[in-house]
């Protein structure tokens, strides 16, 4: 799948330029691994096999948003746009606490 857009400028820079400036230093390597997996992924259901990243979809007004655990309180969140041929969009790094 392709990543279409980012809500977090630091993540965009990490993805496009491999520059960790703008993301927490303790999360940069794991985020790189997550981006590599997302790039190679063919189907959203592949995410469910990743128990170490505590993958789940959000509910309520965030229904359809996927969440992956990066650190204890940080999550990589994104949506998968089915209408746009399975593009990943609105990629964000959120602090849950």
PDB file of N, CA and C in Angstrom:
ATOM      1  N   UNK A   1       0.848  -1.185   0.000  1.00  0.00           N
ATOM      2  CA  UNK A   1       0.000   0.000   0.000  1.00  0.00           C
ATOM      3  C   UNK A   1       0.887   1.240   0.000  1.00  0.00           C
ATOM      4  N   UNK A   2       0.360   2.292  -0.542  1.00  0.00           N
ATOM      5  CA  UNK A   2       1.093   3.544  -0.568  1.00  0.00           C
ATOM      6  C   UNK A   2       0.582   4.472   0.520  1.00  0.00           C
ATOM      7  N   UNK A   3       1.496   5.247   1.078  1.00  0.00           N
ATOM      8  CA  UNK A   3       1.106   6.265   2.043  1.00  0.00           C
ATOM      9  C   UNK A   3       0.861   7.554   1.262  1.00  0.00           C
ATOM     10  N   UNK A   4      -0.352   8.068   1.372  1.00  0.00           N
ATOM     11  CA  UNK A   4      -0.747   9.243   0.600  1.00  0.00           C
ATOM     12  C   UNK A   4      -0.410  10.550   1.307  1.00  0.00           C
ATOM     13  N   UNK A   5      -0.753  10.666   2.584  1.00  0.00           N
ATOM     14  CA  UNK A   5      -0.494  11.931   3.273  1.00  0.00           C
ATOM     15  C   UNK A   5      -0.259  11.710   4.763  1.00  0.00           C
ATOM     16  N   UNK A   6       0.308  12.724   5.380  1.00  0.00           N
ATOM     17  CA  UNK A   6       0.654  12.694   6.799  1.00  0.00           C
ATOM     18  C   UNK A   6      -0.006  13.856   7.518  1.00  0.00           C
ATOM     19  N   UNK A   7      -0.448  13.609   8.730  1.00  0.00           N
ATOM     20  CA  UNK A   7      -0.957  14.670   9.590  1.00  0.00           C
ATOM     21  C   UNK A   7       0.170  15.210  10.473  1.00  0.00           C
ATOM     22  N   UNK A   8       1.255  14.473  10.597  1.00  0.00           N
ATOM     23  CA  UNK A   8       2.386  14.804  11.469  1.00  0.00           C
ATOM     24  C   UNK A   8       3.598  15.117  10.592  1.00  0.00           C
ATOM     25  N   UNK A   9       4.112  16.343  10.679  1.00  0.00           N
ATOM     26  CA  UNK A   9       5.222  16.765   9.826  1.00  0.00           C
ATOM     27  C   UNK A   9       6.498  15.972  10.074  1.00  0.00           C
ATOM     28  N   UNK A  10       6.772  15.633  11.322  1.00  0.00           N
ATOM     29  CA  UNK A  10       7.963  14.853  11.645  1.00  0.00           C
ATOM     30  C   UNK A  10       7.933  13.468  11.022  1.00  0.00           C
ATOM     31  N   UNK A  11       6.755  12.837  11.000  1.00  0.00           N
ATOM     32  CA  UNK A  11       6.616  11.526  10.371  1.00  0.00           C
ATOM     33  C   UNK A  11       6.844  11.616   8.868  1.00  0.00           C
ATOM     34  N   UNK A  12       6.338  12.674   8.270  1.00  0.00           N
ATOM     35  CA  UNK A  12       6.528  12.864   6.831  1.00  0.00           C
ATOM     36  C   UNK A  12       8.007  12.983   6.502  1.00  0.00           C
ATOM     37  N   UNK A  13       8.725  13.729   7.318  1.00  0.00           N
ATOM     38  CA  UNK A  13      10.163  13.906   7.103  1.00  0.00           C
ATOM     39  C   UNK A  13      10.918  12.589   7.314  1.00  0.00           C
ATOM     40  N   UNK A  14      10.519  11.817   8.317  1.00  0.00           N
ATOM     41  CA  UNK A  14      11.144  10.520   8.563  1.00  0.00           C
ATOM     42  C   UNK A  14      10.899   9.590   7.379  1.00  0.00           C
ATOM     43  N   UNK A  15       9.704   9.569   6.865  1.00  0.00           N
ATOM     44  CA  UNK A  15       9.341   8.683   5.758  1.00  0.00           C
ATOM     45  C   UNK A  15      10.012   9.107   4.447  1.00  0.00           C
ATOM     46  N   UNK A  16       9.946  10.383   4.132  1.00  0.00           N
ATOM     47  CA  UNK A  16      10.422  10.859   2.830  1.00  0.00           C
ATOM     48  C   UNK A  16      11.935  11.056   2.780  1.00  0.00           C
ATOM     49  N   UNK A  17      12.512  11.534   3.880  1.00  0.00           N
ATOM     50  CA  UNK A  17      13.934  11.901   3.874  1.00  0.00           C
ATOM     51  C   UNK A  17      14.777  11.062   4.823  1.00  0.00           C
ATOM     52  N   UNK A  18      14.167  10.148   5.549  1.00  0.00           N
ATOM     53  CA  UNK A  18      14.835   9.339   6.568  1.00  0.00           C
ATOM     54  C   UNK A  18      15.523  10.214   7.617  1.00  0.00           C
ATOM     55  N   UNK A  19      14.905  11.338   7.938  1.00  0.00           N
ATOM     56  CA  UNK A  19      15.413  12.248   8.958  1.00  0.00           C
ATOM     57  C   UNK A  19      14.534  12.128  10.202  1.00  0.00           C
ATOM     58  N   UNK A  20      15.139  11.789  11.320  1.00  0.00           N
ATOM     59  CA  UNK A  20      14.393  11.593  12.565  1.00  0.00           C
ATOM     60  C   UNK A  20      14.092  12.904  13.278  1.00  0.00           C
ATOM     61  N   UNK A  21      14.489  14.009  12.701  1.00  0.00           N
ATOM     62  CA  UNK A  21      14.194  15.303  13.313  1.00  0.00           C
ATOM     63  C   UNK A  21      12.675  15.523  13.289  1.00  0.00           C
ATOM     64  N   UNK A  22      12.105  15.741  14.444  1.00  0.00           N
ATOM     65  CA  UNK A  22      10.665  15.958  14.519  1.00  0.00           C
ATOM     66  C   UNK A  22       9.895  14.784  15.093  1.00  0.00           C
ATOM     67  N   UNK A  23      10.589  13.662  15.353  1.00  0.00           N
ATOM     68  CA  UNK A  23       9.960  12.524  16.019  1.00  0.00           C
ATOM     69  C   UNK A  23      10.797  12.178  17.247  1.00  0.00           C
ATOM     70  N   UNK A  24      10.197  11.589  18.260  1.00  0.00           N
ATOM     71  CA  UNK A  24      10.966  11.220  19.453  1.00  0.00           C
ATOM     72  C   UNK A  24      12.097  10.247  19.090  1.00  0.00           C
ATOM     73  N   UNK A  25      13.273  10.502  19.619  1.00  0.00           N
ATOM     74  CA  UNK A  25      14.452   9.695  19.299  1.00  0.00           C
ATOM     75  C   UNK A  25      14.253   8.221  19.635  1.00  0.00           C
ATOM     76  N   UNK A  26      13.542   7.952  20.732  1.00  0.00           N
ATOM     77  CA  UNK A  26      13.337   6.561  21.142  1.00  0.00           C
ATOM     78  C   UNK A  26      12.333   5.809  20.261  1.00  0.00           C
ATOM     79  N   UNK A  27      11.682   6.513  19.352  1.00  0.00           N
ATOM     80  CA  UNK A  27      10.663   5.887  18.515  1.00  0.00           C
ATOM     81  C   UNK A  27      11.062   5.783  17.038  1.00  0.00           C
ATOM     82  N   UNK A  28      12.126   6.449  16.636  1.00  0.00           N
ATOM     83  CA  UNK A  28      12.479   6.553  15.220  1.00  0.00           C
ATOM     84  C   UNK A  28      12.700   5.188  14.562  1.00  0.00           C
ATOM     85  N   UNK A  29      13.456   4.301  15.188  1.00  0.00           N
ATOM     86  CA  UNK A  29      13.734   2.997  14.577  1.00  0.00           C
ATOM     87  C   UNK A  29      12.465   2.166  14.413  1.00  0.00           C
ATOM     88  N   UNK A  30      11.634   2.165  15.424  1.00  0.00           N
ATOM     89  CA  UNK A  30      10.397   1.390  15.341  1.00  0.00           C
ATOM     90  C   UNK A  30       9.474   1.976  14.275  1.00  0.00           C
ATOM     91  N   UNK A  31       9.420   3.295  14.165  1.00  0.00           N
ATOM     92  CA  UNK A  31       8.596   3.926  13.140  1.00  0.00           C
ATOM     93  C   UNK A  31       9.088   3.561  11.741  1.00  0.00           C
ATOM     94  N   UNK A  32      10.407   3.490  11.557  1.00  0.00           N
ATOM     95  CA  UNK A  32      10.949   3.066  10.262  1.00  0.00           C
ATOM     96  C   UNK A  32      10.481   1.650   9.914  1.00  0.00           C
ATOM     97  N   UNK A  33      10.506   0.753  10.899  1.00  0.00           N
ATOM     98  CA  UNK A  33      10.049  -0.620  10.681  1.00  0.00           C
ATOM     99  C   UNK A  33       8.566  -0.651  10.335  1.00  0.00           C
ATOM    100  N   UNK A  34       7.796   0.177  11.016  1.00  0.00           N
ATOM    101  CA  UNK A  34       6.359   0.236  10.745  1.00  0.00           C
ATOM    102  C   UNK A  34       6.091   0.747   9.330  1.00  0.00           C
ATOM    103  N   UNK A  35       6.815   1.772   8.915  1.00  0.00           N
ATOM    104  CA  UNK A  35       6.645   2.294   7.553  1.00  0.00           C
ATOM    105  C   UNK A  35       7.027   1.242   6.517  1.00  0.00           C
ATOM    106  N   UNK A  36       8.096   0.499   6.761  1.00  0.00           N
ATOM    107  CA  UNK A  36       8.510  -0.553   5.832  1.00  0.00           C
ATOM    108  C   UNK A  36       7.414  -1.610   5.705  1.00  0.00           C
ATOM    109  N   UNK A  37       6.820  -1.982   6.845  1.00  0.00           N
ATOM    110  CA  UNK A  37       5.736  -2.965   6.808  1.00  0.00           C
ATOM    111  C   UNK A  37       4.537  -2.420   6.046  1.00  0.00           C
ATOM    112  N   UNK A  38       4.148  -1.184   6.329  1.00  0.00           N
ATOM    113  CA  UNK A  38       2.991  -0.583   5.660  1.00  0.00           C
ATOM    114  C   UNK A  38       3.214  -0.478   4.156  1.00  0.00           C
ATOM    115  N   UNK A  39       4.436  -0.142   3.747  1.00  0.00           N
ATOM    116  CA  UNK A  39       4.747  -0.056   2.316  1.00  0.00           C
ATOM    117  C   UNK A  39       4.587  -1.405   1.627  1.00  0.00           C
ATOM    118  N   UNK A  40       4.997  -2.483   2.299  1.00  0.00           N
ATOM    119  CA  UNK A  40       4.963  -3.822   1.712  1.00  0.00           C
ATOM    120  C   UNK A  40       3.608  -4.515   1.843  1.00  0.00           C
ATOM    121  N   UNK A  41       2.764  -3.987   2.692  1.00  0.00           N
ATOM    122  CA  UNK A  41       1.474  -4.602   2.977  1.00  0.00           C
ATOM    123  C   UNK A  41       0.562  -4.562   1.739  1.00  0.00           C
ATOM    124  N   UNK A  42      -0.151  -5.651   1.506  1.00  0.00           N
ATOM    125  CA  UNK A  42      -1.083  -5.710   0.383  1.00  0.00           C
ATOM    126  C   UNK A  42      -2.534  -5.617   0.822  1.00  0.00           C
ATOM    127  N   UNK A  43      -2.812  -6.030   2.064  1.00  0.00           N
ATOM    128  CA  UNK A  43      -4.182  -6.050   2.560  1.00  0.00           C
ATOM    129  C   UNK A  43      -4.188  -5.606   4.014  1.00  0.00           C
ATOM    130  N   UNK A  44      -5.195  -4.855   4.411  1.00  0.00           N
ATOM    131  CA  UNK A  44      -5.278  -4.339   5.778  1.00  0.00           C
ATOM    132  C   UNK A  44      -5.322  -5.449   6.823  1.00  0.00           C
ATOM    133  N   UNK A  45      -5.849  -6.592   6.468  1.00  0.00           N
ATOM    134  CA  UNK A  45      -5.945  -7.700   7.429  1.00  0.00           C
ATOM    135  C   UNK A  45      -4.568  -8.234   7.836  1.00  0.00           C
ATOM    136  N   UNK A  46      -3.533  -7.928   7.067  1.00  0.00           N
ATOM    137  CA  UNK A  46      -2.172  -8.329   7.442  1.00  0.00           C
ATOM    138  C   UNK A  46      -1.764  -7.680   8.770  1.00  0.00           C
ATOM    139  N   UNK A  47      -2.351  -6.536   9.070  1.00  0.00           N
ATOM    140  CA  UNK A  47      -2.024  -5.831  10.312  1.00  0.00           C
ATOM    141  C   UNK A  47      -2.400  -6.646  11.546  1.00  0.00           C
ATOM    142  N   UNK A  48      -3.450  -7.395  11.467  1.00  0.00           N
ATOM    143  CA  UNK A  48      -3.944  -8.143  12.627  1.00  0.00           C
ATOM    144  C   UNK A  48      -2.968  -9.225  13.092  1.00  0.00           C
ATOM    145  N   UNK A  49      -2.038  -9.616  12.257  1.00  0.00           N
ATOM    146  CA  UNK A  49      -1.050 -10.636  12.614  1.00  0.00           C
ATOM    147  C   UNK A  49       0.074 -10.067  13.485  1.00  0.00           C
ATOM    148  N   UNK A  50       0.098  -8.765  13.667  1.00  0.00           N
ATOM    149  CA  UNK A  50       1.179  -8.109  14.399  1.00  0.00           C
ATOM    150  C   UNK A  50       0.804  -7.863  15.855  1.00  0.00           C
ATOM    151  N   UNK A  51       0.802  -8.886  16.652  1.00  0.00           N
ATOM    152  CA  UNK A  51       0.385  -8.740  18.045  1.00  0.00           C
ATOM    153  C   UNK A  51       1.349  -7.877  18.857  1.00  0.00           C
ATOM    154  N   UNK A  52       2.620  -7.845  18.497  1.00  0.00           N
ATOM    155  CA  UNK A  52       3.601  -7.059  19.249  1.00  0.00           C
ATOM    156  C   UNK A  52       3.322  -5.558  19.160  1.00  0.00           C
ATOM    157  N   UNK A  53       2.681  -5.117  18.091  1.00  0.00           N
ATOM    158  CA  UNK A  53       2.381  -3.698  17.927  1.00  0.00           C
ATOM    159  C   UNK A  53       1.001  -3.335  18.450  1.00  0.00           C
ATOM    160  N   UNK A  54       0.315  -4.264  19.076  1.00  0.00           N
ATOM    161  CA  UNK A  54      -1.020  -4.053  19.648  1.00  0.00           C
ATOM    162  C   UNK A  54      -1.954  -3.335  18.669  1.00  0.00           C
ATOM    163  N   UNK A  55      -2.078  -3.907  17.510  1.00  0.00           N
ATOM    164  CA  UNK A  55      -2.879  -3.331  16.423  1.00  0.00           C
ATOM    165  C   UNK A  55      -4.361  -3.435  16.743  1.00  0.00           C
ATOM    166  N   UNK A  56      -5.070  -2.335  16.522  1.00  0.00           N
ATOM    167  CA  UNK A  56      -6.522  -2.358  16.647  1.00  0.00           C
ATOM    168  C   UNK A  56      -7.117  -1.177  15.892  1.00  0.00           C
ATOM    169  N   UNK A  57      -8.402  -1.258  15.624  1.00  0.00           N
ATOM    170  CA  UNK A  57      -9.101  -0.131  15.020  1.00  0.00           C
ATOM    171  C   UNK A  57      -9.832   0.619  16.119  1.00  0.00           C
ATOM    172  N   UNK A  58      -9.907   1.917  15.942  1.00  0.00           N
ATOM    173  CA  UNK A  58     -10.583   2.756  16.928  1.00  0.00           C
ATOM    174  C   UNK A  58     -12.087   2.727  16.680  1.00  0.00           C
ATOM    175  N   UNK A  59     -12.828   3.182  17.663  1.00  0.00           N
ATOM    176  CA  UNK A  59     -14.291   3.164  17.584  1.00  0.00           C
ATOM    177  C   UNK A  59     -14.831   4.583  17.756  1.00  0.00           C
ATOM    178  N   UNK A  60     -16.118   4.697  17.778  1.00  0.00           N
ATOM    179  CA  UNK A  60     -16.768   5.990  17.976  1.00  0.00           C
ATOM    180  C   UNK A  60     -16.533   6.916  16.800  1.00  0.00           C
ATOM    181  N   UNK A  61     -16.201   8.178  17.089  1.00  0.00           N
ATOM    182  CA  UNK A  61     -15.999   9.146  16.011  1.00  0.00           C
ATOM    183  C   UNK A  61     -14.689   8.912  15.261  1.00  0.00           C
ATOM    184  N   UNK A  62     -13.865   7.983  15.728  1.00  0.00           N
ATOM    185  CA  UNK A  62     -12.605   7.630  15.045  1.00  0.00           C
ATOM    186  C   UNK A  62     -12.716   6.264  14.371  1.00  0.00           C
ATOM    187  N   UNK A  63     -13.938   5.800  14.164  1.00  0.00           N
ATOM    188  CA  UNK A  63     -14.182   4.499  13.540  1.00  0.00           C
ATOM    189  C   UNK A  63     -13.446   4.416  12.208  1.00  0.00           C
ATOM    190  N   UNK A  64     -12.737   3.318  11.990  1.00  0.00           N
ATOM    191  CA  UNK A  64     -12.001   3.126  10.753  1.00  0.00           C
ATOM    192  C   UNK A  64     -10.550   3.545  10.827  1.00  0.00           C
ATOM    193  N   UNK A  65     -10.145   4.147  11.937  1.00  0.00           N
ATOM    194  CA  UNK A  65      -8.753   4.549  12.122  1.00  0.00           C
ATOM    195  C   UNK A  65      -8.005   3.407  12.792  1.00  0.00           C
ATOM    196  N   UNK A  66      -6.859   3.061  12.238  1.00  0.00           N
ATOM    197  CA  UNK A  66      -6.016   2.008  12.791  1.00  0.00           C
ATOM    198  C   UNK A  66      -5.029   2.613  13.772  1.00  0.00           C
ATOM    199  N   UNK A  67      -4.653   1.849  14.771  1.00  0.00           N
ATOM    200  CA  UNK A  67      -3.703   2.294  15.781  1.00  0.00           C
ATOM    201  C   UNK A  67      -2.649   1.210  15.993  1.00  0.00           C
ATOM    202  N   UNK A  68      -1.374   1.613  15.965  1.00  0.00           N
ATOM    203  CA  UNK A  68      -0.250   0.714  16.239  1.00  0.00           C
ATOM    204  C   UNK A  68       0.540   1.298  17.405  1.00  0.00           C
ATOM    205  N   UNK A  69       0.925   0.481  18.350  1.00  0.00           N
ATOM    206  CA  UNK A  69       1.674   0.943  19.512  1.00  0.00           C
ATOM    207  C   UNK A  69       3.134   1.157  19.140  1.00  0.00           C
ATOM    208  N   UNK A  70       3.633   2.375  19.362  1.00  0.00           N
ATOM    209  CA  UNK A  70       5.031   2.710  19.083  1.00  0.00           C
ATOM    210  C   UNK A  70       5.840   2.632  20.371  1.00  0.00           C
ATOM    211  N   UNK A  71       5.413   3.372  21.369  1.00  0.00           N
ATOM    212  CA  UNK A  71       6.021   3.320  22.700  1.00  0.00           C
ATOM    213  C   UNK A  71       4.900   3.156  23.706  1.00  0.00           C
ATOM    214  N   UNK A  72       5.238   3.245  24.949  1.00  0.00           N
ATOM    215  CA  UNK A  72       4.244   3.035  25.999  1.00  0.00           C
ATOM    216  C   UNK A  72       3.000   3.916  25.826  1.00  0.00           C
ATOM    217  N   UNK A  73       3.208   5.186  25.468  1.00  0.00           N
ATOM    218  CA  UNK A  73       2.057   6.086  25.353  1.00  0.00           C
ATOM    219  C   UNK A  73       1.902   6.714  23.964  1.00  0.00           C
ATOM    220  N   UNK A  74       2.714   6.334  23.000  1.00  0.00           N
ATOM    221  CA  UNK A  74       2.598   6.898  21.653  1.00  0.00           C
ATOM    222  C   UNK A  74       2.048   5.851  20.693  1.00  0.00           C
ATOM    223  N   UNK A  75       1.170   6.316  19.789  1.00  0.00           N
ATOM    224  CA  UNK A  75       0.552   5.437  18.816  1.00  0.00           C
ATOM    225  C   UNK A  75       0.680   6.027  17.423  1.00  0.00           C
ATOM    226  N   UNK A  76       0.951   5.172  16.455  1.00  0.00           N
ATOM    227  CA  UNK A  76       0.901   5.549  15.054  1.00  0.00           C
ATOM    228  C   UNK A  76      -0.532   5.285  14.611  1.00  0.00           C
ATOM    229  N   UNK A  77      -1.221   6.311  14.149  1.00  0.00           N
ATOM    230  CA  UNK A  77      -2.608   6.155  13.717  1.00  0.00           C
ATOM    231  C   UNK A  77      -2.720   6.528  12.242  1.00  0.00           C
ATOM    232  N   UNK A  78      -3.650   5.887  11.550  1.00  0.00           N
ATOM    233  CA  UNK A  78      -3.862   6.156  10.133  1.00  0.00           C
ATOM    234  C   UNK A  78      -5.188   5.550   9.705  1.00  0.00           C
ATOM    235  N   UNK A  79      -5.639   5.978   8.538  1.00  0.00           N
ATOM    236  CA  UNK A  79      -6.828   5.403   7.919  1.00  0.00           C
ATOM    237  C   UNK A  79      -6.417   4.741   6.610  1.00  0.00           C
ATOM    238  N   UNK A  80      -7.185   3.790   6.173  1.00  0.00           N
ATOM    239  CA  UNK A  80      -6.963   3.163   4.876  1.00  0.00           C
ATOM    240  C   UNK A  80      -8.142   3.543   3.995  1.00  0.00           C
ATOM    241  N   UNK A  81      -7.840   4.275   2.932  1.00  0.00           N
ATOM    242  CA  UNK A  81      -8.863   4.759   2.015  1.00  0.00           C
ATOM    243  C   UNK A  81      -9.110   3.701   0.942  1.00  0.00           C
ATOM    244  N   UNK A  82     -10.184   2.962   1.093  1.00  0.00           N
ATOM    245  CA  UNK A  82     -10.527   1.885   0.171  1.00  0.00           C
ATOM    246  C   UNK A  82     -10.902   2.453  -1.202  1.00  0.00           C
ATOM    247  N   UNK A  83     -11.580   3.595  -1.221  1.00  0.00           N
ATOM    248  CA  UNK A  83     -12.011   4.201  -2.478  1.00  0.00           C
ATOM    249  C   UNK A  83     -10.823   4.626  -3.344  1.00  0.00           C
ATOM    250  N   UNK A  84      -9.711   4.933  -2.710  1.00  0.00           N
ATOM    251  CA  UNK A  84      -8.513   5.363  -3.451  1.00  0.00           C
ATOM    252  C   UNK A  84      -7.545   4.201  -3.643  1.00  0.00           C
ATOM    253  N   UNK A  85      -8.097   3.031  -3.868  1.00  0.00           N
ATOM    254  CA  UNK A  85      -7.307   1.828  -4.115  1.00  0.00           C
ATOM    255  C   UNK A  85      -6.360   1.514  -2.962  1.00  0.00           C
ATOM    256  N   UNK A  86      -6.902   1.490  -1.771  1.00  0.00           N
ATOM    257  CA  UNK A  86      -6.165   1.086  -0.568  1.00  0.00           C
ATOM    258  C   UNK A  86      -4.936   1.949  -0.270  1.00  0.00           C
ATOM    259  N   UNK A  87      -5.119   3.238  -0.254  1.00  0.00           N
ATOM    260  CA  UNK A  87      -4.035   4.139   0.144  1.00  0.00           C
ATOM    261  C   UNK A  87      -4.135   4.424   1.627  1.00  0.00           C
ATOM    262  N   UNK A  88      -2.995   4.562   2.273  1.00  0.00           N
ATOM    263  CA  UNK A  88      -2.934   4.905   3.689  1.00  0.00           C
ATOM    264  C   UNK A  88      -2.894   6.428   3.784  1.00  0.00           C
ATOM    265  N   UNK A  89      -3.744   6.990   4.629  1.00  0.00           N
ATOM    266  CA  UNK A  89      -3.811   8.444   4.725  1.00  0.00           C
ATOM    267  C   UNK A  89      -3.925   8.899   6.178  1.00  0.00           C
ATOM    268  N   UNK A  90      -3.680  10.181   6.376  1.00  0.00           N
ATOM    269  CA  UNK A  90      -3.780  10.831   7.683  1.00  0.00           C
ATOM    270  C   UNK A  90      -2.888  10.154   8.727  1.00  0.00           C
ATOM    271  N   UNK A  91      -1.656   9.825   8.352  1.00  0.00           N
ATOM    272  CA  UNK A  91      -0.725   9.164   9.264  1.00  0.00           C
ATOM    273  C   UNK A  91      -0.308  10.160  10.339  1.00  0.00           C
ATOM    274  N   UNK A  92      -0.454   9.754  11.605  1.00  0.00           N
ATOM    275  CA  UNK A  92      -0.196  10.663  12.716  1.00  0.00           C
ATOM    276  C   UNK A  92       0.489   9.913  13.852  1.00  0.00           C
ATOM    277  N   UNK A  93       1.240  10.647  14.661  1.00  0.00           N
ATOM    278  CA  UNK A  93       1.836  10.109  15.872  1.00  0.00           C
ATOM    279  C   UNK A  93       1.133  10.787  17.030  1.00  0.00           C
ATOM    280  N   UNK A  94       0.406  10.008  17.813  1.00  0.00           N
ATOM    281  CA  UNK A  94      -0.414  10.576  18.876  1.00  0.00           C
ATOM    282  C   UNK A  94       0.060  10.115  20.249  1.00  0.00           C
ATOM    283  N   UNK A  95      -0.044  11.025  21.191  1.00  0.00           N
ATOM    284  CA  UNK A  95       0.267  10.726  22.593  1.00  0.00           C
ATOM    285  C   UNK A  95      -1.056  10.416  23.267  1.00  0.00           C
ATOM    286  N   UNK A  96      -1.246   9.166  23.682  1.00  0.00           N
ATOM    287  CA  UNK A  96      -2.517   8.744  24.270  1.00  0.00           C
ATOM    288  C   UNK A  96      -2.705   9.221  25.703  1.00  0.00           C
ATOM    289  N   UNK A  97      -1.648   9.655  26.345  1.00  0.00           N
ATOM    290  CA  UNK A  97      -1.786  10.052  27.761  1.00  0.00           C
ATOM    291  C   UNK A  97      -1.213  11.420  28.006  1.00  0.00           C
TER     292      UNK A  97
END
